[in-house]
Amino acid sequence: IRDLLFVLPLLLLTFQGVHFSYVKPDLDKSGQLASYAIYLTFLTANKSNNLISLLFGVPFERLISLHQLCSVVAVTLGCFHTYAAYQYGGANQEISGLVPTEDSIHASFGTDPNFVQFLWDGKTNVTGT
């Protein structure tokens, strides 16, 4: 039951990531969810003086699998956020929640859609990357 209590928030983060990236796209919330998963990954990484071990009495050896699961969820949510930024980044100000200053021309709504160049174009897009 203890393992389920630790996995349940990660499942909730993943379901919300799918919701805010695909069902109802919101760049701010999808990025925040990816950040929360990264925070959980770092919280479970300490061997000594671990806050989760102190609060819940879980030994470090059992936290290793939770740490790995947190990192997988963080990477997955980061990919979801990348998709939302590529697909919906500045095409609609209501979706992104931000006022675009300079949209990337390589996003799917840009004049030259190219996913690889979108990731590495070196310009600041609506998401701030």
Protein backbone atom coordinates (compact mmCIF):
# COMPACT_ATOMS: atom_id res chain seq x y z
CA ILE A 1 0.00 0.00 0.00
CA ARG A 2 2.89 2.34 0.73
CA ASP A 3 4.23 1.96 -2.81
CA LEU A 4 0.80 2.77 -4.21
CA LEU A 5 0.71 5.98 -2.17
CA PHE A 6 3.99 7.05 -3.76
CA VAL A 7 2.99 6.06 -7.30
CA LEU A 8 -0.46 7.66 -7.15
CA PRO A 9 0.83 11.28 -7.37
CA LEU A 10 3.00 10.31 -10.35
CA LEU A 11 -0.01 8.80 -12.10
CA LEU A 12 -1.99 11.95 -11.35
CA LEU A 13 0.81 14.10 -12.79
CA THR A 14 0.91 11.96 -15.92
CA PHE A 15 -2.86 12.11 -16.47
CA GLN A 16 -2.84 15.88 -15.95
CA GLY A 17 0.09 16.13 -18.37
CA VAL A 18 -1.91 14.32 -21.03
CA HIS A 19 -4.90 16.57 -20.31
CA PHE A 20 -2.99 19.86 -20.48
CA SER A 21 -0.89 18.83 -23.49
CA TYR A 22 -3.41 17.07 -25.73
CA VAL A 23 -7.01 17.42 -24.50
CA LYS A 24 -7.03 21.06 -23.38
CA PRO A 25 -3.59 22.46 -24.33
CA ASP A 26 -2.10 24.90 -21.84
CA LEU A 27 1.64 25.55 -22.07
CA ASP A 28 1.99 27.02 -18.60
CA LYS A 29 0.36 24.09 -16.84
CA SER A 30 2.06 21.40 -18.92
CA GLY A 31 5.43 22.99 -18.16
CA GLN A 32 4.64 23.26 -14.45
CA LEU A 33 3.70 19.58 -14.31
CA ALA A 34 7.01 18.61 -15.91
CA SER A 35 8.80 20.78 -13.34
CA TYR A 36 6.97 19.08 -10.45
CA ALA A 37 8.13 15.69 -11.69
CA ILE A 38 11.71 16.96 -11.82
CA TYR A 39 11.39 18.22 -8.22
CA LEU A 40 10.18 14.78 -7.14
CA THR A 41 13.12 13.20 -8.95
CA PHE A 42 15.57 15.33 -6.97
CA LEU A 43 13.73 14.77 -3.69
CA THR A 44 14.15 11.01 -4.05
CA ALA A 45 17.83 11.18 -5.05
CA ASN A 46 19.47 11.83 -1.66
CA LYS A 47 20.99 8.92 0.20
CA SER A 48 21.51 10.63 3.52
CA ASN A 49 19.18 13.15 5.15
CA ASN A 50 16.44 12.37 2.65
CA LEU A 51 13.24 14.28 3.44
CA ILE A 52 10.98 11.50 2.16
CA SER A 53 12.85 8.91 4.22
CA LEU A 54 12.57 11.12 7.28
CA LEU A 55 8.84 11.80 6.88
CA PHE A 56 7.67 8.37 5.74
CA GLY A 57 10.36 6.05 7.08
CA VAL A 58 11.15 4.57 3.67
CA PRO A 59 14.74 3.31 3.34
CA PHE A 60 16.90 4.61 0.53
CA GLU A 61 17.03 1.22 -1.20
CA ARG A 62 13.26 1.32 -1.76
CA LEU A 63 13.42 4.91 -3.00
CA ILE A 64 15.71 3.97 -5.88
CA SER A 65 12.85 2.50 -7.91
CA LEU A 66 10.67 5.50 -7.07
CA HIS A 67 13.49 7.82 -8.17
CA GLN A 68 13.71 5.98 -11.49
CA LEU A 69 9.95 6.16 -11.96
CA CYS A 70 9.98 9.90 -11.19
CA SER A 71 12.66 10.46 -13.81
CA VAL A 72 10.69 8.53 -16.44
CA VAL A 73 7.58 10.58 -15.64
CA ALA A 74 9.61 13.81 -15.82
CA VAL A 75 11.00 12.95 -19.26
CA THR A 76 7.55 11.88 -20.48
CA LEU A 77 5.94 15.10 -19.27
CA GLY A 78 8.77 17.08 -20.83
CA CYS A 79 8.03 15.40 -24.17
CA PHE A 80 4.33 16.19 -23.76
CA HIS A 81 5.21 19.83 -23.08
CA THR A 82 7.50 19.92 -26.13
CA TYR A 83 4.67 18.62 -28.30
CA ALA A 84 2.26 21.23 -26.92
CA ALA A 85 4.79 23.99 -27.55
CA TYR A 86 5.43 22.78 -31.09
CA GLN A 87 1.80 22.28 -31.95
CA TYR A 88 0.10 25.19 -30.14
CA GLY A 89 2.94 27.52 -29.04
CA GLY A 90 1.89 30.90 -30.37
CA ALA A 91 -0.86 30.01 -32.80
CA ASN A 92 -3.50 31.06 -30.33
CA GLN A 93 -2.80 33.45 -27.47
CA GLU A 94 -5.72 32.05 -25.51
CA ILE A 95 -4.23 28.55 -25.60
CA SER A 96 -0.72 29.56 -24.64
CA GLY A 97 -1.75 32.09 -22.01
CA LEU A 98 1.20 34.26 -23.04
CA VAL A 99 1.57 37.20 -25.36
CA PRO A 100 4.00 36.08 -28.06
CA THR A 101 6.91 38.42 -28.69
CA GLU A 102 8.56 36.48 -31.51
CA ASP A 103 7.11 33.15 -32.61
CA SER A 104 9.41 30.47 -33.90
CA ILE A 105 8.98 30.12 -37.64
CA HIS A 106 9.74 26.40 -37.36
CA ALA A 107 6.72 25.52 -35.18
CA SER A 108 3.79 23.71 -36.75
CA PHE A 109 1.92 27.02 -37.11
CA GLY A 110 4.96 28.88 -38.49
CA THR A 111 5.90 29.61 -42.06
CA ASP A 112 8.52 26.81 -42.19
CA PRO A 113 7.34 23.94 -39.93
CA ASN A 114 10.27 21.71 -39.00
CA PHE A 115 10.35 19.93 -35.63
CA VAL A 116 14.13 19.42 -35.45
CA GLN A 117 14.84 23.05 -36.28
CA PHE A 118 12.12 24.09 -33.81
CA LEU A 119 14.06 22.34 -31.04
CA TRP A 120 17.45 23.80 -32.02
CA ASP A 121 16.78 27.13 -33.76
CA GLY A 122 18.30 29.16 -30.93
CA LYS A 123 15.48 31.70 -30.85
CA THR A 124 13.21 32.34 -27.93
CA ASN A 125 9.78 30.97 -28.68
CA VAL A 126 6.56 31.57 -26.77
CA THR A 127 7.38 28.94 -24.15
CA GLY A 128 10.64 30.63 -23.17
CA THR A 129 12.97 27.86 -24.28
